[in-house]
N, C-alpha and C. Protein backbone atom coordinates (compact mmCIF):
# COMPACT_ATOMS: atom_id res chain seq x y z
N HIS A 1 -38.63 -5.97 5.37
CA HIS A 1 -39.12 -6.02 3.99
C HIS A 1 -37.94 -6.26 3.07
N THR A 2 -38.01 -7.33 2.30
CA THR A 2 -36.93 -7.68 1.38
C THR A 2 -37.34 -7.33 -0.04
N GLN A 3 -36.47 -6.62 -0.74
CA GLN A 3 -36.75 -6.29 -2.13
C GLN A 3 -36.34 -7.47 -3.00
N LEU A 4 -37.22 -7.91 -3.86
CA LEU A 4 -36.91 -9.01 -4.75
C LEU A 4 -36.13 -8.51 -5.95
N ASP A 5 -35.24 -9.36 -6.44
CA ASP A 5 -34.43 -9.03 -7.60
C ASP A 5 -34.92 -9.88 -8.77
N THR A 6 -34.67 -9.44 -9.97
CA THR A 6 -34.93 -10.23 -11.15
C THR A 6 -33.58 -10.79 -11.60
N LEU A 7 -33.54 -12.09 -11.87
CA LEU A 7 -32.27 -12.74 -12.15
C LEU A 7 -32.17 -13.22 -13.59
N VAL A 8 -30.93 -13.32 -14.03
CA VAL A 8 -30.62 -14.00 -15.28
C VAL A 8 -29.68 -15.14 -14.90
N VAL A 9 -29.97 -16.33 -15.42
CA VAL A 9 -29.16 -17.51 -15.13
C VAL A 9 -28.56 -17.99 -16.44
N VAL A 10 -27.23 -18.18 -16.42
CA VAL A 10 -26.51 -18.59 -17.63
C VAL A 10 -25.75 -19.87 -17.31
N ARG A 11 -25.92 -20.86 -18.16
CA ARG A 11 -25.17 -22.11 -18.02
C ARG A 11 -23.85 -21.93 -18.76
N THR A 12 -22.73 -22.00 -18.02
CA THR A 12 -21.42 -21.77 -18.61
C THR A 12 -20.68 -23.07 -18.92
N SER A 13 -21.16 -24.17 -18.36
CA SER A 13 -20.63 -25.51 -18.66
C SER A 13 -21.72 -26.50 -18.29
N PRO A 14 -21.54 -27.78 -18.60
CA PRO A 14 -22.59 -28.75 -18.24
C PRO A 14 -22.92 -28.78 -16.74
N THR A 15 -21.97 -28.40 -15.90
CA THR A 15 -22.19 -28.48 -14.46
C THR A 15 -22.12 -27.13 -13.75
N THR A 16 -21.94 -26.03 -14.49
CA THR A 16 -21.79 -24.71 -13.87
C THR A 16 -22.83 -23.74 -14.42
N LEU A 17 -23.52 -23.08 -13.49
CA LEU A 17 -24.47 -22.03 -13.84
C LEU A 17 -24.16 -20.80 -13.00
N VAL A 18 -24.30 -19.63 -13.60
CA VAL A 18 -24.12 -18.39 -12.86
C VAL A 18 -25.46 -17.66 -12.81
N ALA A 19 -25.70 -17.00 -11.69
CA ALA A 19 -26.93 -16.22 -11.50
C ALA A 19 -26.53 -14.80 -11.13
N LEU A 20 -27.08 -13.85 -11.87
CA LEU A 20 -26.79 -12.44 -11.65
C LEU A 20 -28.09 -11.65 -11.68
N SER A 21 -28.08 -10.48 -11.05
CA SER A 21 -29.20 -9.57 -11.19
C SER A 21 -29.31 -9.21 -12.67
N SER A 22 -30.51 -9.18 -13.18
CA SER A 22 -30.71 -8.79 -14.58
C SER A 22 -31.04 -7.30 -14.72
N ILE A 23 -30.94 -6.56 -13.60
CA ILE A 23 -31.28 -5.14 -13.61
C ILE A 23 -30.01 -4.31 -13.69
N CYS A 24 -29.86 -3.56 -14.78
CA CYS A 24 -28.68 -2.73 -14.99
C CYS A 24 -28.54 -1.73 -13.85
N THR A 25 -27.31 -1.58 -13.36
CA THR A 25 -27.05 -0.68 -12.24
C THR A 25 -27.05 0.79 -12.66
N HIS A 26 -27.14 1.06 -13.95
CA HIS A 26 -27.16 2.45 -14.42
C HIS A 26 -28.53 3.08 -14.21
N GLN A 27 -29.55 2.56 -14.91
CA GLN A 27 -30.89 3.14 -14.76
C GLN A 27 -32.00 2.11 -14.69
N GLY A 28 -31.64 0.87 -14.37
CA GLY A 28 -32.67 -0.13 -14.07
C GLY A 28 -33.27 -0.87 -15.24
N CYS A 29 -32.71 -0.76 -16.43
CA CYS A 29 -33.22 -1.55 -17.56
C CYS A 29 -32.82 -3.01 -17.38
N GLU A 30 -33.48 -3.90 -18.08
CA GLU A 30 -33.17 -5.32 -17.97
C GLU A 30 -32.09 -5.70 -18.99
N VAL A 31 -30.99 -6.26 -18.47
CA VAL A 31 -29.90 -6.67 -19.35
C VAL A 31 -30.27 -7.95 -20.07
N ARG A 32 -29.58 -8.19 -21.18
CA ARG A 32 -29.82 -9.39 -21.99
C ARG A 32 -28.51 -10.11 -22.21
N TYR A 33 -28.58 -11.43 -22.19
CA TYR A 33 -27.38 -12.25 -22.39
C TYR A 33 -27.04 -12.34 -23.87
N ASP A 34 -25.80 -12.07 -24.20
CA ASP A 34 -25.29 -12.22 -25.57
C ASP A 34 -24.49 -13.51 -25.61
N ARG A 35 -25.09 -14.55 -26.16
CA ARG A 35 -24.48 -15.88 -26.19
C ARG A 35 -23.17 -15.88 -26.98
N THR A 36 -23.10 -15.12 -28.05
CA THR A 36 -21.90 -15.08 -28.89
C THR A 36 -20.73 -14.45 -28.13
N GLY A 37 -20.97 -13.30 -27.51
CA GLY A 37 -19.91 -12.59 -26.80
C GLY A 37 -19.73 -13.04 -25.37
N LYS A 38 -20.69 -13.85 -24.87
CA LYS A 38 -20.68 -14.30 -23.47
C LYS A 38 -20.63 -13.13 -22.49
N VAL A 39 -21.45 -12.12 -22.77
CA VAL A 39 -21.56 -10.93 -21.92
C VAL A 39 -23.04 -10.59 -21.75
N LEU A 40 -23.31 -9.69 -20.80
CA LEU A 40 -24.65 -9.18 -20.59
C LEU A 40 -24.67 -7.73 -21.06
N ASN A 41 -25.61 -7.42 -21.96
CA ASN A 41 -25.71 -6.09 -22.54
C ASN A 41 -26.99 -5.41 -22.08
N CYS A 42 -26.88 -4.11 -21.82
CA CYS A 42 -28.07 -3.31 -21.51
C CYS A 42 -28.53 -2.63 -22.79
N PRO A 43 -29.76 -2.90 -23.23
CA PRO A 43 -30.25 -2.31 -24.47
C PRO A 43 -30.57 -0.82 -24.36
N CYS A 44 -30.67 -0.28 -23.15
CA CYS A 44 -31.08 1.12 -22.99
C CYS A 44 -29.95 2.10 -23.25
N HIS A 45 -28.78 1.87 -22.65
CA HIS A 45 -27.70 2.85 -22.77
C HIS A 45 -26.35 2.23 -23.11
N GLY A 46 -26.33 0.91 -23.40
CA GLY A 46 -25.12 0.28 -23.91
C GLY A 46 -24.13 -0.26 -22.89
N SER A 47 -24.50 -0.28 -21.61
CA SER A 47 -23.59 -0.87 -20.63
C SER A 47 -23.39 -2.35 -20.94
N ARG A 48 -22.21 -2.85 -20.59
CA ARG A 48 -21.88 -4.25 -20.83
C ARG A 48 -21.24 -4.81 -19.57
N PHE A 49 -21.63 -6.04 -19.21
CA PHE A 49 -21.16 -6.69 -17.99
C PHE A 49 -20.62 -8.08 -18.31
N SER A 50 -19.61 -8.49 -17.54
CA SER A 50 -19.08 -9.85 -17.67
C SER A 50 -20.00 -10.82 -16.93
N LEU A 51 -19.76 -12.12 -17.10
CA LEU A 51 -20.54 -13.11 -16.37
C LEU A 51 -20.17 -13.15 -14.89
N ALA A 52 -19.12 -12.43 -14.52
CA ALA A 52 -18.79 -12.26 -13.09
C ALA A 52 -19.54 -11.06 -12.52
N GLY A 53 -20.22 -10.30 -13.38
CA GLY A 53 -20.98 -9.13 -12.95
C GLY A 53 -20.25 -7.82 -13.11
N SER A 54 -18.95 -7.86 -13.40
CA SER A 54 -18.17 -6.62 -13.48
C SER A 54 -18.52 -5.80 -14.72
N VAL A 55 -18.36 -4.50 -14.60
CA VAL A 55 -18.65 -3.58 -15.70
C VAL A 55 -17.53 -3.67 -16.73
N LEU A 56 -17.89 -3.98 -17.96
CA LEU A 56 -16.93 -3.99 -19.06
C LEU A 56 -16.98 -2.69 -19.84
N ARG A 57 -18.18 -2.07 -19.86
CA ARG A 57 -18.36 -0.79 -20.56
C ARG A 57 -19.51 -0.04 -19.88
N GLY A 58 -19.32 1.25 -19.67
CA GLY A 58 -20.33 2.10 -19.05
C GLY A 58 -21.41 2.49 -20.02
N PRO A 59 -22.35 3.29 -19.54
CA PRO A 59 -22.25 4.22 -18.43
C PRO A 59 -22.44 3.62 -17.02
N ALA A 60 -22.83 2.36 -16.89
CA ALA A 60 -22.95 1.79 -15.55
C ALA A 60 -21.60 1.84 -14.85
N ALA A 61 -21.61 2.18 -13.56
CA ALA A 61 -20.37 2.25 -12.80
C ALA A 61 -20.27 1.14 -11.76
N SER A 62 -21.40 0.53 -11.43
CA SER A 62 -21.43 -0.52 -10.41
C SER A 62 -21.69 -1.88 -11.05
N PRO A 63 -21.10 -2.94 -10.49
CA PRO A 63 -21.30 -4.28 -11.05
C PRO A 63 -22.72 -4.79 -10.79
N LEU A 64 -23.11 -5.81 -11.56
CA LEU A 64 -24.35 -6.52 -11.29
C LEU A 64 -24.13 -7.39 -10.06
N LYS A 65 -25.16 -7.56 -9.25
CA LYS A 65 -25.05 -8.44 -8.10
C LYS A 65 -24.98 -9.88 -8.59
N LYS A 66 -24.02 -10.63 -8.06
CA LYS A 66 -23.87 -12.05 -8.42
C LYS A 66 -24.32 -12.89 -7.24
N TYR A 67 -25.06 -13.95 -7.52
CA TYR A 67 -25.59 -14.83 -6.49
C TYR A 67 -24.84 -16.16 -6.53
N MET A 68 -24.61 -16.72 -5.34
CA MET A 68 -23.98 -18.04 -5.25
C MET A 68 -24.98 -19.09 -5.75
N THR A 69 -24.47 -20.06 -6.50
CA THR A 69 -25.32 -21.13 -7.01
C THR A 69 -24.74 -22.48 -6.64
N GLN A 70 -25.61 -23.46 -6.56
CA GLN A 70 -25.19 -24.84 -6.34
C GLN A 70 -26.06 -25.70 -7.26
N PHE A 71 -25.40 -26.48 -8.13
CA PHE A 71 -26.12 -27.31 -9.10
C PHE A 71 -25.93 -28.77 -8.76
N ASP A 72 -27.03 -29.47 -8.57
CA ASP A 72 -27.01 -30.92 -8.34
C ASP A 72 -27.33 -31.58 -9.67
N GLN A 73 -26.28 -32.06 -10.34
CA GLN A 73 -26.45 -32.62 -11.68
C GLN A 73 -27.30 -33.88 -11.67
N GLY A 74 -27.13 -34.71 -10.65
CA GLY A 74 -27.90 -35.96 -10.56
C GLY A 74 -29.40 -35.72 -10.48
N MET A 75 -29.78 -34.68 -9.72
CA MET A 75 -31.21 -34.37 -9.57
C MET A 75 -31.64 -33.27 -10.53
N ASN A 76 -30.68 -32.67 -11.25
CA ASN A 76 -30.97 -31.57 -12.17
C ASN A 76 -31.68 -30.42 -11.46
N VAL A 77 -31.10 -30.03 -10.30
CA VAL A 77 -31.69 -28.97 -9.48
C VAL A 77 -30.65 -27.88 -9.25
N LEU A 78 -31.04 -26.65 -9.53
CA LEU A 78 -30.19 -25.50 -9.28
C LEU A 78 -30.71 -24.77 -8.03
N THR A 79 -29.82 -24.52 -7.08
CA THR A 79 -30.16 -23.75 -5.89
C THR A 79 -29.43 -22.41 -5.99
N ILE A 80 -30.18 -21.33 -5.82
CA ILE A 80 -29.60 -19.97 -5.84
C ILE A 80 -29.73 -19.40 -4.44
N MET A 81 -28.59 -19.03 -3.85
CA MET A 81 -28.60 -18.48 -2.50
C MET A 81 -28.88 -16.98 -2.57
N LEU A 82 -30.02 -16.57 -2.03
CA LEU A 82 -30.41 -15.18 -2.03
C LEU A 82 -29.91 -14.52 -0.77
């Protein structure tokens, strides 16, 4: 039995996209992307994560899971390796 994750995908350049779990590792709230700060913020308790998934500010102690991505610009197809 595989548990499904909810993802957030952010385009960081015309050819680069990052995919991370959108579930905060603190208490399971859904993080939101802050386009201005280029970070992921948790609205529940204020945790902040980088686009690499690392914790920038607690109370979360564990990073967000980051997924490998492959973008085919010619076909405009993003593949996320689960």
